[in-house]
Amino acid sequence: MLAVRKCGGDPSTEYLSDGITESIINSLSQLPKFSVRSFSSVQHLKKRGRRPEEAGRDLKVRAVLTAAL
């Protein structure tokens, strides 16, 4: 799960998008036989502005989930 992107210019949505991202990561990590990268790893890539394809390679995952707020 990559960080939920905020589409508006309102800075307060940053906190909301981070909270949603962390919640989804925590929920997905509860699934058996399902490996999910940590929130801190996702945040690191968010700050670097990586495209989903690049982020997937960096995280060594087979699938990437993206979302926008």
PDB file of N, CA and C in Angstrom:
ATOM      1  N   MET A   1       0.849  -1.169   0.000  1.00  0.00           N
ATOM      2  CA  MET A   1       0.000   0.000   0.000  1.00  0.00           C
ATOM      3  C   MET A   1       0.890   1.225   0.000  1.00  0.00           C
ATOM      4  N   LEU A   2       0.781   2.025  -1.032  1.00  0.00           N
ATOM      5  CA  LEU A   2       1.503   3.296  -1.044  1.00  0.00           C
ATOM      6  C   LEU A   2       0.689   4.331  -0.296  1.00  0.00           C
ATOM      7  N   ALA A   3       1.322   5.413   0.060  1.00  0.00           N
ATOM      8  CA  ALA A   3       0.633   6.478   0.789  1.00  0.00           C
ATOM      9  C   ALA A   3      -0.547   6.992  -0.026  1.00  0.00           C
ATOM     10  N   VAL A   4      -1.668   7.230   0.641  1.00  0.00           N
ATOM     11  CA  VAL A   4      -2.844   7.803  -0.014  1.00  0.00           C
ATOM     12  C   VAL A   4      -2.474   9.226  -0.425  1.00  0.00           C
ATOM     13  N   ARG A   5      -2.651   9.518  -1.706  1.00  0.00           N
ATOM     14  CA  ARG A   5      -2.314  10.850  -2.204  1.00  0.00           C
ATOM     15  C   ARG A   5      -3.446  11.816  -1.920  1.00  0.00           C
ATOM     16  N   LYS A   6      -3.093  13.013  -1.518  1.00  0.00           N
ATOM     17  CA  LYS A   6      -4.116  14.048  -1.339  1.00  0.00           C
ATOM     18  C   LYS A   6      -4.207  14.839  -2.630  1.00  0.00           C
ATOM     19  N   CYS A   7      -5.426  15.077  -3.054  1.00  0.00           N
ATOM     20  CA  CYS A   7      -5.642  15.759  -4.336  1.00  0.00           C
ATOM     21  C   CYS A   7      -5.911  17.246  -4.178  1.00  0.00           C
ATOM     22  N   GLY A   8      -6.374  17.661  -3.021  1.00  0.00           N
ATOM     23  CA  GLY A   8      -6.686  19.066  -2.808  1.00  0.00           C
ATOM     24  C   GLY A   8      -5.487  19.824  -2.266  1.00  0.00           C
ATOM     25  N   GLY A   9      -5.620  21.108  -2.170  1.00  0.00           N
ATOM     26  CA  GLY A   9      -4.549  21.939  -1.661  1.00  0.00           C
ATOM     27  C   GLY A   9      -4.599  22.146  -0.165  1.00  0.00           C
ATOM     28  N   ASP A  10      -5.601  21.580   0.508  1.00  0.00           N
ATOM     29  CA  ASP A  10      -5.768  21.759   1.948  1.00  0.00           C
ATOM     30  C   ASP A  10      -4.723  20.940   2.708  1.00  0.00           C
ATOM     31  N   PRO A  11      -3.824  21.603   3.455  1.00  0.00           N
ATOM     32  CA  PRO A  11      -2.771  20.884   4.173  1.00  0.00           C
ATOM     33  C   PRO A  11      -3.299  19.939   5.252  1.00  0.00           C
ATOM     34  N   SER A  12      -4.506  20.180   5.757  1.00  0.00           N
ATOM     35  CA  SER A  12      -5.032  19.308   6.803  1.00  0.00           C
ATOM     36  C   SER A  12      -5.368  17.918   6.270  1.00  0.00           C
ATOM     37  N   THR A  13      -5.516  17.780   4.954  1.00  0.00           N
ATOM     38  CA  THR A  13      -5.799  16.460   4.400  1.00  0.00           C
ATOM     39  C   THR A  13      -4.569  15.557   4.430  1.00  0.00           C
ATOM     40  N   GLU A  14      -3.401  16.126   4.620  1.00  0.00           N
ATOM     41  CA  GLU A  14      -2.168  15.330   4.745  1.00  0.00           C
ATOM     42  C   GLU A  14      -2.274  14.389   5.946  1.00  0.00           C
ATOM     43  N   TYR A  15      -2.713  14.923   7.063  1.00  0.00           N
ATOM     44  CA  TYR A  15      -2.877  14.122   8.282  1.00  0.00           C
ATOM     45  C   TYR A  15      -3.908  13.022   8.054  1.00  0.00           C
ATOM     46  N   LEU A  16      -5.009  13.351   7.399  1.00  0.00           N
ATOM     47  CA  LEU A  16      -6.057  12.372   7.112  1.00  0.00           C
ATOM     48  C   LEU A  16      -5.545  11.284   6.169  1.00  0.00           C
ATOM     49  N   SER A  17      -4.859  11.667   5.104  1.00  0.00           N
ATOM     50  CA  SER A  17      -4.356  10.672   4.149  1.00  0.00           C
ATOM     51  C   SER A  17      -3.335   9.741   4.801  1.00  0.00           C
ATOM     52  N   ASP A  18      -2.487  10.270   5.687  1.00  0.00           N
ATOM     53  CA  ASP A  18      -1.531   9.420   6.403  1.00  0.00           C
ATOM     54  C   ASP A  18      -2.249   8.450   7.330  1.00  0.00           C
ATOM     55  N   GLY A  19      -3.297   8.914   7.995  1.00  0.00           N
ATOM     56  CA  GLY A  19      -4.063   8.059   8.892  1.00  0.00           C
ATOM     57  C   GLY A  19      -4.762   6.933   8.148  1.00  0.00           C
ATOM     58  N   ILE A  20      -5.328   7.254   7.000  1.00  0.00           N
ATOM     59  CA  ILE A  20      -5.994   6.230   6.181  1.00  0.00           C
ATOM     60  C   ILE A  20      -4.972   5.212   5.692  1.00  0.00           C
ATOM     61  N   THR A  21      -3.824   5.685   5.233  1.00  0.00           N
ATOM     62  CA  THR A  21      -2.766   4.781   4.772  1.00  0.00           C
ATOM     63  C   THR A  21      -2.350   3.824   5.877  1.00  0.00           C
ATOM     64  N   GLU A  22      -2.083   4.354   7.049  1.00  0.00           N
ATOM     65  CA  GLU A  22      -1.648   3.515   8.166  1.00  0.00           C
ATOM     66  C   GLU A  22      -2.733   2.506   8.557  1.00  0.00           C
ATOM     67  N   SER A  23      -3.972   2.921   8.551  1.00  0.00           N
ATOM     68  CA  SER A  23      -5.080   2.033   8.894  1.00  0.00           C
ATOM     69  C   SER A  23      -5.200   0.881   7.894  1.00  0.00           C
ATOM     70  N   ILE A  24      -5.097   1.185   6.610  1.00  0.00           N
ATOM     71  CA  ILE A  24      -5.181   0.145   5.586  1.00  0.00           C
ATOM     72  C   ILE A  24      -4.007  -0.826   5.722  1.00  0.00           C
ATOM     73  N   ILE A  25      -2.806  -0.302   5.932  1.00  0.00           N
ATOM     74  CA  ILE A  25      -1.629  -1.163   6.105  1.00  0.00           C
ATOM     75  C   ILE A  25      -1.827  -2.084   7.303  1.00  0.00           C
ATOM     76  N   ASN A  26      -2.311  -1.538   8.411  1.00  0.00           N
ATOM     77  CA  ASN A  26      -2.538  -2.360   9.609  1.00  0.00           C
ATOM     78  C   ASN A  26      -3.584  -3.440   9.352  1.00  0.00           C
ATOM     79  N   SER A  27      -4.650  -3.098   8.643  1.00  0.00           N
ATOM     80  CA  SER A  27      -5.702  -4.078   8.345  1.00  0.00           C
ATOM     81  C   SER A  27      -5.187  -5.175   7.411  1.00  0.00           C
ATOM     82  N   LEU A  28      -4.468  -4.787   6.359  1.00  0.00           N
ATOM     83  CA  LEU A  28      -3.939  -5.781   5.428  1.00  0.00           C
ATOM     84  C   LEU A  28      -2.915  -6.706   6.088  1.00  0.00           C
ATOM     85  N   SER A  29      -2.178  -6.186   7.041  1.00  0.00           N
ATOM     86  CA  SER A  29      -1.149  -7.002   7.695  1.00  0.00           C
ATOM     87  C   SER A  29      -1.754  -8.101   8.562  1.00  0.00           C
ATOM     88  N   GLN A  30      -3.045  -8.015   8.861  1.00  0.00           N
ATOM     89  CA  GLN A  30      -3.721  -9.041   9.654  1.00  0.00           C
ATOM     90  C   GLN A  30      -4.100 -10.274   8.825  1.00  0.00           C
ATOM     91  N   LEU A  31      -4.043 -10.144   7.503  1.00  0.00           N
ATOM     92  CA  LEU A  31      -4.400 -11.266   6.638  1.00  0.00           C
ATOM     93  C   LEU A  31      -3.300 -12.328   6.674  1.00  0.00           C
ATOM     94  N   PRO A  32      -3.687 -13.603   6.811  1.00  0.00           N
ATOM     95  CA  PRO A  32      -2.680 -14.663   6.848  1.00  0.00           C
ATOM     96  C   PRO A  32      -1.998 -14.807   5.484  1.00  0.00           C
ATOM     97  N   LYS A  33      -0.716 -15.122   5.518  1.00  0.00           N
ATOM     98  CA  LYS A  33       0.082 -15.345   4.304  1.00  0.00           C
ATOM     99  C   LYS A  33       0.090 -14.136   3.379  1.00  0.00           C
ATOM    100  N   PHE A  34      -0.001 -12.955   3.960  1.00  0.00           N
ATOM    101  CA  PHE A  34      -0.025 -11.717   3.183  1.00  0.00           C
ATOM    102  C   PHE A  34       1.032 -10.798   3.764  1.00  0.00           C
ATOM    103  N   SER A  35       2.027 -10.468   2.996  1.00  0.00           N
ATOM    104  CA  SER A  35       3.122  -9.628   3.465  1.00  0.00           C
ATOM    105  C   SER A  35       2.869  -8.169   3.070  1.00  0.00           C
ATOM    106  N   VAL A  36       2.963  -7.286   4.043  1.00  0.00           N
ATOM    107  CA  VAL A  36       2.716  -5.861   3.810  1.00  0.00           C
ATOM    108  C   VAL A  36       3.924  -5.077   4.332  1.00  0.00           C
ATOM    109  N   ARG A  37       4.367  -4.104   3.582  1.00  0.00           N
ATOM    110  CA  ARG A  37       5.492  -3.267   4.017  1.00  0.00           C
ATOM    111  C   ARG A  37       5.011  -2.268   5.066  1.00  0.00           C
ATOM    112  N   SER A  38       5.944  -1.844   5.898  1.00  0.00           N
ATOM    113  CA  SER A  38       5.615  -0.966   7.022  1.00  0.00           C
ATOM    114  C   SER A  38       5.217   0.439   6.569  1.00  0.00           C
ATOM    115  N   PHE A  39       4.488   1.109   7.443  1.00  0.00           N
ATOM    116  CA  PHE A  39       4.071   2.487   7.189  1.00  0.00           C
ATOM    117  C   PHE A  39       5.292   3.389   7.011  1.00  0.00           C
ATOM    118  N   SER A  40       6.325   3.166   7.805  1.00  0.00           N
ATOM    119  CA  SER A  40       7.524   4.020   7.692  1.00  0.00           C
ATOM    120  C   SER A  40       8.211   3.839   6.339  1.00  0.00           C
ATOM    121  N   SER A  41       8.207   2.626   5.797  1.00  0.00           N
ATOM    122  CA  SER A  41       8.784   2.401   4.467  1.00  0.00           C
ATOM    123  C   SER A  41       7.989   3.142   3.405  1.00  0.00           C
ATOM    124  N   VAL A  42       6.679   3.105   3.537  1.00  0.00           N
ATOM    125  CA  VAL A  42       5.798   3.785   2.587  1.00  0.00           C
ATOM    126  C   VAL A  42       5.993   5.298   2.684  1.00  0.00           C
ATOM    127  N   GLN A  43       6.103   5.820   3.892  1.00  0.00           N
ATOM    128  CA  GLN A  43       6.297   7.263   4.078  1.00  0.00           C
ATOM    129  C   GLN A  43       7.621   7.714   3.474  1.00  0.00           C
ATOM    130  N   HIS A  44       8.649   6.889   3.598  1.00  0.00           N
ATOM    131  CA  HIS A  44       9.954   7.220   3.020  1.00  0.00           C
ATOM    132  C   HIS A  44       9.821   7.390   1.505  1.00  0.00           C
ATOM    133  N   LEU A  45       9.098   6.484   0.870  1.00  0.00           N
ATOM    134  CA  LEU A  45       8.914   6.580  -0.582  1.00  0.00           C
ATOM    135  C   LEU A  45       8.027   7.763  -0.962  1.00  0.00           C
ATOM    136  N   LYS A  46       7.060   8.067  -0.123  1.00  0.00           N
ATOM    137  CA  LYS A  46       6.180   9.218  -0.382  1.00  0.00           C
ATOM    138  C   LYS A  46       7.002  10.506  -0.446  1.00  0.00           C
ATOM    139  N   LYS A  47       7.923  10.645   0.480  1.00  0.00           N
ATOM    140  CA  LYS A  47       8.754  11.850   0.521  1.00  0.00           C
ATOM    141  C   LYS A  47       9.675  11.945  -0.688  1.00  0.00           C
ATOM    142  N   ARG A  48      10.024  10.799  -1.261  1.00  0.00           N
ATOM    143  CA  ARG A  48      10.900  10.784  -2.434  1.00  0.00           C
ATOM    144  C   ARG A  48      10.117  10.972  -3.729  1.00  0.00           C
ATOM    145  N   GLY A  49       8.770  10.896  -3.647  1.00  0.00           N
ATOM    146  CA  GLY A  49       7.946  11.131  -4.828  1.00  0.00           C
ATOM    147  C   GLY A  49       8.065  10.039  -5.884  1.00  0.00           C
ATOM    148  N   ARG A  50       8.195   8.798  -5.474  1.00  0.00           N
ATOM    149  CA  ARG A  50       8.352   7.682  -6.405  1.00  0.00           C
ATOM    150  C   ARG A  50       7.027   7.326  -7.080  1.00  0.00           C
ATOM    151  N   ARG A  51       7.107   6.946  -8.354  1.00  0.00           N
ATOM    152  CA  ARG A  51       5.938   6.426  -9.068  1.00  0.00           C
ATOM    153  C   ARG A  51       5.644   5.026  -8.542  1.00  0.00           C
ATOM    154  N   PRO A  52       4.399   4.549  -8.643  1.00  0.00           N
ATOM    155  CA  PRO A  52       4.054   3.229  -8.107  1.00  0.00           C
ATOM    156  C   PRO A  52       4.945   2.101  -8.618  1.00  0.00           C
ATOM    157  N   GLU A  53       5.285   2.110  -9.905  1.00  0.00           N
ATOM    158  CA  GLU A  53       6.134   1.062 -10.463  1.00  0.00           C
ATOM    159  C   GLU A  53       7.515   1.064  -9.807  1.00  0.00           C
ATOM    160  N   GLU A  54       8.074   2.254  -9.643  1.00  0.00           N
ATOM    161  CA  GLU A  54       9.385   2.383  -9.004  1.00  0.00           C
ATOM    162  C   GLU A  54       9.319   1.978  -7.544  1.00  0.00           C
ATOM    163  N   ALA A  55       8.266   2.414  -6.872  1.00  0.00           N
ATOM    164  CA  ALA A  55       8.098   2.090  -5.457  1.00  0.00           C
ATOM    165  C   ALA A  55       7.987   0.582  -5.266  1.00  0.00           C
ATOM    166  N   GLY A  56       7.248  -0.094  -6.137  1.00  0.00           N
ATOM    167  CA  GLY A  56       7.122  -1.546  -6.060  1.00  0.00           C
ATOM    168  C   GLY A  56       8.462  -2.242  -6.191  1.00  0.00           C
ATOM    169  N   ARG A  57       9.284  -1.771  -7.116  1.00  0.00           N
ATOM    170  CA  ARG A  57      10.634  -2.343  -7.269  1.00  0.00           C
ATOM    171  C   ARG A  57      11.478  -2.067  -6.026  1.00  0.00           C
ATOM    172  N   ASP A  58      11.412  -0.839  -5.524  1.00  0.00           N
ATOM    173  CA  ASP A  58      12.190  -0.478  -4.331  1.00  0.00           C
ATOM    174  C   ASP A  58      11.793  -1.334  -3.130  1.00  0.00           C
ATOM    175  N   LEU A  59      10.487  -1.602  -2.993  1.00  0.00           N
ATOM    176  CA  LEU A  59       9.988  -2.374  -1.852  1.00  0.00           C
ATOM    177  C   LEU A  59      10.052  -3.888  -2.080  1.00  0.00           C
ATOM    178  N   LYS A  60      10.411  -4.283  -3.316  1.00  0.00           N
ATOM    179  CA  LYS A  60      10.502  -5.703  -3.686  1.00  0.00           C
ATOM    180  C   LYS A  60       9.179  -6.424  -3.457  1.00  0.00           C
ATOM    181  N   VAL A  61       8.115  -5.846  -4.039  1.00  0.00           N
ATOM    182  CA  VAL A  61       6.775  -6.431  -3.930  1.00  0.00           C
ATOM    183  C   VAL A  61       6.253  -6.766  -5.326  1.00  0.00           C
ATOM    184  N   ARG A  62       5.277  -7.658  -5.373  1.00  0.00           N
ATOM    185  CA  ARG A  62       4.682  -8.055  -6.652  1.00  0.00           C
ATOM    186  C   ARG A  62       3.487  -7.199  -7.018  1.00  0.00           C
ATOM    187  N   ALA A  63       2.858  -6.564  -6.043  1.00  0.00           N
ATOM    188  CA  ALA A  63       1.669  -5.755  -6.301  1.00  0.00           C
ATOM    189  C   ALA A  63       1.721  -4.488  -5.457  1.00  0.00           C
ATOM    190  N   VAL A  64       1.150  -3.408  -5.993  1.00  0.00           N
ATOM    191  CA  VAL A  64       1.128  -2.126  -5.311  1.00  0.00           C
ATOM    192  C   VAL A  64      -0.313  -1.611  -5.294  1.00  0.00           C
ATOM    193  N   LEU A  65      -0.782  -1.200  -4.134  1.00  0.00           N
ATOM    194  CA  LEU A  65      -2.119  -0.633  -3.996  1.00  0.00           C
ATOM    195  C   LEU A  65      -1.973   0.871  -3.836  1.00  0.00           C
ATOM    196  N   THR A  66      -2.686   1.631  -4.655  1.00  0.00           N
ATOM    197  CA  THR A  66      -2.637   3.083  -4.563  1.00  0.00           C
ATOM    198  C   THR A  66      -4.047   3.629  -4.319  1.00  0.00           C
ATOM    199  N   ALA A  67      -4.121   4.838  -3.801  1.00  0.00           N
ATOM    200  CA  ALA A  67      -5.402   5.489  -3.553  1.00  0.00           C
ATOM    201  C   ALA A  67      -5.198   7.002  -3.529  1.00  0.00           C
ATOM    202  N   ALA A  68      -6.289   7.716  -3.716  1.00  0.00           N
ATOM    203  CA  ALA A  68      -6.233   9.181  -3.664  1.00  0.00           C
ATOM    204  C   ALA A  68      -7.407   9.686  -2.841  1.00  0.00           C
ATOM    205  N   LEU A  69      -7.190  10.784  -2.149  1.00  0.00           N
ATOM    206  CA  LEU A  69      -8.190  11.399  -1.287  1.00  0.00           C
ATOM    207  C   LEU A  69      -8.537  12.757  -1.834  1.00  0.00           C
TER     208      LEU A  69
END
